[in-house]
């Protein structure tokens, strides 16, 4: 059992396996005298077994526990103004940009181009948390759960734009409308099982689609696509 701190929230993990402790080593948090965690998560043996049986691929009990613990964390985070966005977040010149895509589309390939050509940092390569701050702005946060490449940094960055990636034979980008953005975000997150958390999640999604510009980039895996994305996401120009 140990505590971690994500998005300024202290969480207690009641774990069975050492795998998740090693995974979270950069996020470990020691409680101060009299301090208590915001909430606690655990995964039963039955939950771990049932989850492994539901998969079409092999997963160790320790890996399954790690996945389930993060899923439970994400189910609670809307209470604290945060939610999971299945995306890769890059930081460049103090600005953060989230790239979201269905599995196999190429968000890892695209963000690698940002590293190569712009010297961008990967805040999280797969499962960052997004937080609505008290002033209404949004930030993206690193987490230990970050995809098979293991790219993450334990810090936050302003979330200035979201880009939904699609594969194409040519590079094209356009601004996503509110309805499309909301649908894509809901597809790229975990909906909490608790109705109260669902209401909080709906409020967060409503705010982010209103306040953070979103784009759809149909692209090839090349430098031109990365430069087109940078121009659109960092610009105040309107892309229709």
C-alpha atoms as a PDB file:
ATOM      1  CA  UNK A   1       0.000   0.000   0.000  1.00  0.00           C
ATOM      2  CA  UNK A   2       1.334   3.432  -0.921  1.00  0.00           C
ATOM      3  CA  UNK A   3       0.256   6.919  -1.981  1.00  0.00           C
ATOM      4  CA  UNK A   4       0.784   8.832  -5.190  1.00  0.00           C
ATOM      5  CA  UNK A   5      -0.040  12.380  -6.206  1.00  0.00           C
ATOM      6  CA  UNK A   6      -1.751  13.033  -9.539  1.00  0.00           C
ATOM      7  CA  UNK A   7      -3.174  16.402 -10.594  1.00  0.00           C
ATOM      8  CA  UNK A   8      -2.562  17.687  -7.037  1.00  0.00           C
ATOM      9  CA  UNK A   9      -4.750  14.865  -5.675  1.00  0.00           C
ATOM     10  CA  UNK A  10      -3.279  12.395  -3.159  1.00  0.00           C
ATOM     11  CA  UNK A  11      -4.464   8.838  -3.795  1.00  0.00           C
ATOM     12  CA  UNK A  12      -3.858   5.654  -1.817  1.00  0.00           C
ATOM     13  CA  UNK A  13      -3.268   2.448  -3.779  1.00  0.00           C
ATOM     14  CA  UNK A  14      -3.907  -0.838  -1.968  1.00  0.00           C
ATOM     15  CA  UNK A  15      -1.924  -3.144  -4.241  1.00  0.00           C
ATOM     16  CA  UNK A  16      -1.171  -6.854  -4.289  1.00  0.00           C
ATOM     17  CA  UNK A  17       1.772  -6.810  -6.684  1.00  0.00           C
ATOM     18  CA  UNK A  18       4.976  -4.802  -6.749  1.00  0.00           C
ATOM     19  CA  UNK A  19       4.591  -3.981 -10.451  1.00  0.00           C
ATOM     20  CA  UNK A  20       2.332  -0.970  -9.894  1.00  0.00           C
ATOM     21  CA  UNK A  21       4.598   0.373  -7.153  1.00  0.00           C
ATOM     22  CA  UNK A  22       7.573   0.315  -9.502  1.00  0.00           C
ATOM     23  CA  UNK A  23       5.466   1.903 -12.245  1.00  0.00           C
ATOM     24  CA  UNK A  24       4.460   4.758  -9.937  1.00  0.00           C
ATOM     25  CA  UNK A  25       7.885   5.370  -8.386  1.00  0.00           C
ATOM     26  CA  UNK A  26       8.202   8.909  -9.800  1.00  0.00           C
ATOM     27  CA  UNK A  27       4.774   9.847  -8.399  1.00  0.00           C
ATOM     28  CA  UNK A  28       5.114   8.459  -4.878  1.00  0.00           C
ATOM     29  CA  UNK A  29       3.878  10.742  -2.114  1.00  0.00           C
ATOM     30  CA  UNK A  30       4.536  10.571   1.620  1.00  0.00           C
ATOM     31  CA  UNK A  31       1.626  11.718   3.748  1.00  0.00           C
ATOM     32  CA  UNK A  32       2.326  14.516   6.180  1.00  0.00           C
ATOM     33  CA  UNK A  33       1.321  14.250   9.825  1.00  0.00           C
ATOM     34  CA  UNK A  34      -2.468  14.263  10.035  1.00  0.00           C
ATOM     35  CA  UNK A  35      -2.896  14.196   6.265  1.00  0.00           C
ATOM     36  CA  UNK A  36      -5.246  11.674   4.653  1.00  0.00           C
ATOM     37  CA  UNK A  37      -5.538  10.705   0.982  1.00  0.00           C
ATOM     38  CA  UNK A  38      -8.447  11.992  -1.058  1.00  0.00           C
ATOM     39  CA  UNK A  39      -9.538   8.424  -1.799  1.00  0.00           C
ATOM     40  CA  UNK A  40      -8.312   4.823  -1.938  1.00  0.00           C
ATOM     41  CA  UNK A  41      -8.431   2.276  -4.734  1.00  0.00           C
ATOM     42  CA  UNK A  42      -7.919  -1.471  -4.782  1.00  0.00           C
ATOM     43  CA  UNK A  43      -8.618  -4.368  -7.153  1.00  0.00           C
ATOM     44  CA  UNK A  44      -9.838  -7.713  -5.848  1.00  0.00           C
ATOM     45  CA  UNK A  45      -8.487 -11.059  -7.012  1.00  0.00           C
ATOM     46  CA  UNK A  46     -11.810 -11.703  -8.750  1.00  0.00           C
ATOM     47  CA  UNK A  47     -11.681  -8.379 -10.595  1.00  0.00           C
ATOM     48  CA  UNK A  48      -8.152  -9.136 -11.754  1.00  0.00           C
ATOM     49  CA  UNK A  49      -9.083 -12.639 -12.906  1.00  0.00           C
ATOM     50  CA  UNK A  50     -12.257 -11.508 -14.663  1.00  0.00           C
ATOM     51  CA  UNK A  51     -10.436  -8.740 -16.474  1.00  0.00           C
ATOM     52  CA  UNK A  52      -7.692 -11.067 -17.698  1.00  0.00           C
ATOM     53  CA  UNK A  53     -10.313 -13.530 -18.975  1.00  0.00           C
ATOM     54  CA  UNK A  54     -12.058 -10.730 -20.881  1.00  0.00           C
ATOM     55  CA  UNK A  55      -8.953  -9.954 -22.942  1.00  0.00           C
ATOM     56  CA  UNK A  56      -7.903 -11.393 -26.275  1.00  0.00           C
ATOM     57  CA  UNK A  57      -4.247 -11.072 -25.362  1.00  0.00           C
ATOM     58  CA  UNK A  58      -2.001 -12.261 -22.562  1.00  0.00           C
ATOM     59  CA  UNK A  59      -1.637 -10.060 -19.472  1.00  0.00           C
ATOM     60  CA  UNK A  60      -0.051 -10.874 -16.133  1.00  0.00           C
ATOM     61  CA  UNK A  61      -2.068 -10.465 -12.919  1.00  0.00           C
ATOM     62  CA  UNK A  62       0.233  -7.576 -11.947  1.00  0.00           C
ATOM     63  CA  UNK A  63      -0.383  -5.760 -15.231  1.00  0.00           C
ATOM     64  CA  UNK A  64      -4.121  -6.335 -14.912  1.00  0.00           C
ATOM     65  CA  UNK A  65      -4.093  -4.924 -11.389  1.00  0.00           C
ATOM     66  CA  UNK A  66      -2.270  -1.822 -12.593  1.00  0.00           C
ATOM     67  CA  UNK A  67      -4.832  -1.244 -15.344  1.00  0.00           C
ATOM     68  CA  UNK A  68      -7.772  -1.713 -12.976  1.00  0.00           C
ATOM     69  CA  UNK A  69      -6.317   0.598 -10.328  1.00  0.00           C
ATOM     70  CA  UNK A  70      -5.871   3.402 -12.869  1.00  0.00           C
ATOM     71  CA  UNK A  71      -9.357   2.822 -14.222  1.00  0.00           C
ATOM     72  CA  UNK A  72     -10.728   3.226 -10.689  1.00  0.00           C
ATOM     73  CA  UNK A  73      -8.635   6.353 -10.168  1.00  0.00           C
ATOM     74  CA  UNK A  74     -10.054   7.827 -13.364  1.00  0.00           C
ATOM     75  CA  UNK A  75     -13.556   7.021 -12.155  1.00  0.00           C
ATOM     76  CA  UNK A  76     -13.015   9.272  -9.126  1.00  0.00           C
ATOM     77  CA  UNK A  77     -11.040  12.130 -10.680  1.00  0.00           C
ATOM     78  CA  UNK A  78     -14.006  14.153 -12.057  1.00  0.00           C
ATOM     79  CA  UNK A  79     -14.800  14.978  -8.425  1.00  0.00           C
ATOM     80  CA  UNK A  80     -11.509  16.883  -8.415  1.00  0.00           C
ATOM     81  CA  UNK A  81     -11.952  18.600 -11.772  1.00  0.00           C
ATOM     82  CA  UNK A  82      -9.898  16.096 -13.777  1.00  0.00           C
ATOM     83  CA  UNK A  83     -10.444  13.315 -16.281  1.00  0.00           C
ATOM     84  CA  UNK A  84      -8.509  10.862 -18.432  1.00  0.00           C
ATOM     85  CA  UNK A  85      -7.937  11.739 -22.073  1.00  0.00           C
ATOM     86  CA  UNK A  86      -6.568   8.905 -24.184  1.00  0.00           C
ATOM     87  CA  UNK A  87      -4.019  10.999 -26.034  1.00  0.00           C
ATOM     88  CA  UNK A  88      -0.363  11.894 -26.306  1.00  0.00           C
ATOM     89  CA  UNK A  89       0.472  15.332 -24.908  1.00  0.00           C
ATOM     90  CA  UNK A  90       3.487  17.284 -26.126  1.00  0.00           C
ATOM     91  CA  UNK A  91       4.926  20.436 -24.568  1.00  0.00           C
ATOM     92  CA  UNK A  92       6.570  23.079 -26.736  1.00  0.00           C
ATOM     93  CA  UNK A  93       7.597  26.593 -25.664  1.00  0.00           C
ATOM     94  CA  UNK A  94       5.359  26.445 -22.601  1.00  0.00           C
ATOM     95  CA  UNK A  95       2.292  25.280 -24.532  1.00  0.00           C
ATOM     96  CA  UNK A  96       0.679  21.858 -24.462  1.00  0.00           C
ATOM     97  CA  UNK A  97      -1.021  20.054 -27.332  1.00  0.00           C
ATOM     98  CA  UNK A  98      -2.954  16.779 -27.064  1.00  0.00           C
ATOM     99  CA  UNK A  99      -3.081  14.320 -29.956  1.00  0.00           C
ATOM    100  CA  UNK A 100      -5.847  11.749 -29.731  1.00  0.00           C
ATOM    101  CA  UNK A 101      -6.532   8.881 -32.126  1.00  0.00           C
ATOM    102  CA  UNK A 102      -7.954   5.405 -32.314  1.00  0.00           C
ATOM    103  CA  UNK A 103      -5.492   2.583 -31.761  1.00  0.00           C
ATOM    104  CA  UNK A 104      -3.177   2.094 -34.717  1.00  0.00           C
ATOM    105  CA  UNK A 105      -3.799   5.464 -36.350  1.00  0.00           C
ATOM    106  CA  UNK A 106      -0.380   6.815 -35.431  1.00  0.00           C
ATOM    107  CA  UNK A 107      -0.350   9.272 -32.538  1.00  0.00           C
ATOM    108  CA  UNK A 108       2.979   7.845 -31.349  1.00  0.00           C
ATOM    109  CA  UNK A 109       4.448   8.300 -34.822  1.00  0.00           C
ATOM    110  CA  UNK A 110       3.101  11.842 -35.092  1.00  0.00           C
ATOM    111  CA  UNK A 111       4.342  12.983 -31.691  1.00  0.00           C
ATOM    112  CA  UNK A 112       7.742  11.449 -32.460  1.00  0.00           C
ATOM    113  CA  UNK A 113       7.897  13.891 -35.384  1.00  0.00           C
ATOM    114  CA  UNK A 114       7.348  16.759 -32.914  1.00  0.00           C
ATOM    115  CA  UNK A 115      10.249  15.448 -30.859  1.00  0.00           C
ATOM    116  CA  UNK A 116      12.450  15.131 -33.932  1.00  0.00           C
ATOM    117  CA  UNK A 117      11.726  18.414 -35.677  1.00  0.00           C
ATOM    118  CA  UNK A 118      10.654  20.785 -32.875  1.00  0.00           C
ATOM    119  CA  UNK A 119      12.425  19.319 -29.828  1.00  0.00           C
ATOM    120  CA  UNK A 120       9.069  18.948 -28.081  1.00  0.00           C
ATOM    121  CA  UNK A 121       8.751  17.035 -24.806  1.00  0.00           C
ATOM    122  CA  UNK A 122       6.276  14.195 -24.305  1.00  0.00           C
ATOM    123  CA  UNK A 123       4.360  14.903 -21.095  1.00  0.00           C
ATOM    124  CA  UNK A 124       2.495  11.618 -21.485  1.00  0.00           C
ATOM    125  CA  UNK A 125       2.402   9.283 -24.444  1.00  0.00           C
ATOM    126  CA  UNK A 126      -0.997   7.652 -23.932  1.00  0.00           C
ATOM    127  CA  UNK A 127      -3.061   8.283 -20.790  1.00  0.00           C
ATOM    128  CA  UNK A 128      -2.598  11.784 -19.331  1.00  0.00           C
ATOM    129  CA  UNK A 129      -5.034  13.468 -16.995  1.00  0.00           C
ATOM    130  CA  UNK A 130      -6.624  16.761 -17.962  1.00  0.00           C
ATOM    131  CA  UNK A 131      -7.552  19.212 -15.209  1.00  0.00           C
ATOM    132  CA  UNK A 132      -9.777  22.280 -15.165  1.00  0.00           C
ATOM    133  CA  UNK A 133      -8.040  24.864 -13.021  1.00  0.00           C
ATOM    134  CA  UNK A 134      -9.780  27.358 -10.747  1.00  0.00           C
ATOM    135  CA  UNK A 135      -9.424  30.096 -13.355  1.00  0.00           C
ATOM    136  CA  UNK A 136     -11.206  27.970 -15.959  1.00  0.00           C
ATOM    137  CA  UNK A 137      -8.117  27.082 -17.986  1.00  0.00           C
ATOM    138  CA  UNK A 138      -7.125  23.485 -18.671  1.00  0.00           C
ATOM    139  CA  UNK A 139      -3.841  21.751 -17.943  1.00  0.00           C
ATOM    140  CA  UNK A 140      -2.546  18.318 -18.983  1.00  0.00           C
ATOM    141  CA  UNK A 141      -0.643  16.182 -16.484  1.00  0.00           C
ATOM    142  CA  UNK A 142       1.795  13.332 -16.718  1.00  0.00           C
ATOM    143  CA  UNK A 143       0.837  10.014 -15.132  1.00  0.00           C
ATOM    144  CA  UNK A 144       2.676   6.706 -14.650  1.00  0.00           C
ATOM    145  CA  UNK A 145       0.297   5.103 -17.162  1.00  0.00           C
ATOM    146  CA  UNK A 146       1.707   6.236 -20.467  1.00  0.00           C
ATOM    147  CA  UNK A 147       1.705   3.464 -23.076  1.00  0.00           C
ATOM    148  CA  UNK A 148       4.222   0.847 -24.109  1.00  0.00           C
ATOM    149  CA  UNK A 149       6.881   3.438 -25.024  1.00  0.00           C
ATOM    150  CA  UNK A 150       6.939   4.591 -21.389  1.00  0.00           C
ATOM    151  CA  UNK A 151       7.148   8.305 -22.191  1.00  0.00           C
ATOM    152  CA  UNK A 152       5.966  10.554 -19.370  1.00  0.00           C
ATOM    153  CA  UNK A 153       7.103  13.467 -17.219  1.00  0.00           C
ATOM    154  CA  UNK A 154       5.760  14.153 -13.738  1.00  0.00           C
ATOM    155  CA  UNK A 155       4.638  17.720 -14.412  1.00  0.00           C
ATOM    156  CA  UNK A 156       1.851  19.661 -16.070  1.00  0.00           C
ATOM    157  CA  UNK A 157       1.527  21.957 -19.053  1.00  0.00           C
ATOM    158  CA  UNK A 158      -1.155  24.345 -20.238  1.00  0.00           C
ATOM    159  CA  UNK A 159      -3.500  22.544 -22.620  1.00  0.00           C
ATOM    160  CA  UNK A 160      -3.826  24.958 -25.537  1.00  0.00           C
ATOM    161  CA  UNK A 161      -5.330  22.732 -28.236  1.00  0.00           C
ATOM    162  CA  UNK A 162      -6.529  19.208 -28.965  1.00  0.00           C
ATOM    163  CA  UNK A 163      -5.900  17.479 -32.277  1.00  0.00           C
ATOM    164  CA  UNK A 164      -7.738  14.344 -33.399  1.00  0.00           C
ATOM    165  CA  UNK A 165      -5.644  12.331 -35.843  1.00  0.00           C
ATOM    166  CA  UNK A 166      -6.902  10.356 -38.811  1.00  0.00           C
ATOM    167  CA  UNK A 167      -4.873   8.558 -41.458  1.00  0.00           C
ATOM    168  CA  UNK A 168      -4.977   9.911 -44.986  1.00  0.00           C
ATOM    169  CA  UNK A 169      -3.147  10.031 -48.297  1.00  0.00           C
ATOM    170  CA  UNK A 170      -2.754  13.811 -48.003  1.00  0.00           C
ATOM    171  CA  UNK A 171      -2.289  16.247 -45.111  1.00  0.00           C
ATOM    172  CA  UNK A 172      -5.348  18.342 -44.266  1.00  0.00           C
ATOM    173  CA  UNK A 173      -6.505  20.065 -41.086  1.00  0.00           C
ATOM    174  CA  UNK A 174      -9.730  21.735 -40.055  1.00  0.00           C
ATOM    175  CA  UNK A 175     -11.332  23.047 -36.896  1.00  0.00           C
ATOM    176  CA  UNK A 176     -13.677  20.549 -35.227  1.00  0.00           C
ATOM    177  CA  UNK A 177     -17.128  21.721 -34.216  1.00  0.00           C
ATOM    178  CA  UNK A 178     -18.366  21.423 -30.635  1.00  0.00           C
ATOM    179  CA  UNK A 179     -20.571  18.371 -31.183  1.00  0.00           C
ATOM    180  CA  UNK A 180     -17.821  16.449 -32.978  1.00  0.00           C
ATOM    181  CA  UNK A 181     -15.261  17.411 -30.331  1.00  0.00           C
ATOM    182  CA  UNK A 182     -17.511  16.268 -27.484  1.00  0.00           C
ATOM    183  CA  UNK A 183     -18.184  12.928 -29.187  1.00  0.00           C
ATOM    184  CA  UNK A 184     -14.492  12.312 -29.800  1.00  0.00           C
ATOM    185  CA  UNK A 185     -13.530  13.214 -26.225  1.00  0.00           C
ATOM    186  CA  UNK A 186     -16.175  10.890 -24.800  1.00  0.00           C
ATOM    187  CA  UNK A 187     -14.783   8.117 -26.990  1.00  0.00           C
ATOM    188  CA  UNK A 188     -11.285   8.845 -25.667  1.00  0.00           C
ATOM    189  CA  UNK A 189     -12.028   8.766 -21.946  1.00  0.00           C
ATOM    190  CA  UNK A 190     -13.393   6.515 -19.210  1.00  0.00           C
ATOM    191  CA  UNK A 191     -16.932   7.255 -18.109  1.00  0.00           C
ATOM    192  CA  UNK A 192     -17.273   6.987 -14.310  1.00  0.00           C
ATOM    193  CA  UNK A 193     -19.718   4.364 -13.011  1.00  0.00           C
ATOM    194  CA  UNK A 194     -21.053   6.726 -10.331  1.00  0.00           C
ATOM    195  CA  UNK A 195     -23.909   8.987 -11.581  1.00  0.00           C
ATOM    196  CA  UNK A 196     -22.572  11.910  -9.541  1.00  0.00           C
ATOM    197  CA  UNK A 197     -19.158  11.558 -11.181  1.00  0.00           C
ATOM    198  CA  UNK A 198     -20.886  11.286 -14.568  1.00  0.00           C
ATOM    199  CA  UNK A 199     -22.523  14.670 -13.987  1.00  0.00           C
ATOM    200  CA  UNK A 200     -19.153  16.174 -13.031  1.00  0.00           C
ATOM    201  CA  UNK A 201     -17.615  14.611 -16.123  1.00  0.00           C
ATOM    202  CA  UNK A 202     -20.325  16.137 -18.327  1.00  0.00           C
ATOM    203  CA  UNK A 203     -19.553  19.562 -16.880  1.00  0.00           C
ATOM    204  CA  UNK A 204     -15.844  19.133 -17.599  1.00  0.00           C
ATOM    205  CA  UNK A 205     -16.432  17.981 -21.172  1.00  0.00           C
ATOM    206  CA  UNK A 206     -18.813  20.875 -21.756  1.00  0.00           C
ATOM    207  CA  UNK A 207     -16.178  23.311 -20.550  1.00  0.00           C
ATOM    208  CA  UNK A 208     -13.284  21.875 -22.524  1.00  0.00           C
ATOM    209  CA  UNK A 209     -15.145  21.796 -25.840  1.00  0.00           C
ATOM    210  CA  UNK A 210     -16.102  25.424 -25.272  1.00  0.00           C
ATOM    211  CA  UNK A 211     -12.745  26.733 -24.087  1.00  0.00           C
ATOM    212  CA  UNK A 212     -10.034  24.624 -25.775  1.00  0.00           C
ATOM    213  CA  UNK A 213      -9.820  24.686 -29.592  1.00  0.00           C
ATOM    214  CA  UNK A 214      -9.947  21.286 -31.264  1.00  0.00           C
ATOM    215  CA  UNK A 215      -8.851  20.204 -34.735  1.00  0.00           C
ATOM    216  CA  UNK A 216      -9.058  17.153 -36.971  1.00  0.00           C
ATOM    217  CA  UNK A 217      -5.824  16.362 -38.801  1.00  0.00           C
ATOM    218  CA  UNK A 218      -5.984  13.873 -41.670  1.00  0.00           C
ATOM    219  CA  UNK A 219      -2.362  13.111 -42.342  1.00  0.00           C
ATOM    220  CA  UNK A 220       0.539  11.104 -43.580  1.00  0.00           C
ATOM    221  CA  UNK A 221       3.367  10.129 -41.175  1.00  0.00           C
ATOM    222  CA  UNK A 222       5.694  12.881 -42.369  1.00  0.00           C
ATOM    223  CA  UNK A 223       7.306  16.180 -41.410  1.00  0.00           C
ATOM    224  CA  UNK A 224       4.782  18.219 -43.393  1.00  0.00           C
ATOM    225  CA  UNK A 225       1.940  16.868 -41.273  1.00  0.00           C
ATOM    226  CA  UNK A 226       3.729  17.860 -38.069  1.00  0.00           C
ATOM    227  CA  UNK A 227       4.436  21.363 -39.368  1.00  0.00           C
ATOM    228  CA  UNK A 228       0.842  21.759 -40.537  1.00  0.00           C
ATOM    229  CA  UNK A 229      -0.381  20.735 -37.083  1.00  0.00           C
ATOM    230  CA  UNK A 230       2.001  23.101 -35.317  1.00  0.00           C
ATOM    231  CA  UNK A 231       0.897  26.005 -37.502  1.00  0.00           C
ATOM    232  CA  UNK A 232      -2.793  25.366 -36.807  1.00  0.00           C
ATOM    233  CA  UNK A 233      -2.603  24.486 -33.116  1.00  0.00           C
ATOM    234  CA  UNK A 234      -0.315  27.388 -32.176  1.00  0.00           C
ATOM    235  CA  UNK A 235      -2.053  29.974 -34.357  1.00  0.00           C
ATOM    236  CA  UNK A 236      -4.959  32.264 -33.563  1.00  0.00           C
ATOM    237  CA  UNK A 237      -6.136  31.955 -37.152  1.00  0.00           C
ATOM    238  CA  UNK A 238      -9.455  30.288 -37.870  1.00  0.00           C
ATOM    239  CA  UNK A 239      -9.296  26.941 -39.648  1.00  0.00           C
ATOM    240  CA  UNK A 240     -12.666  26.074 -41.189  1.00  0.00           C
END
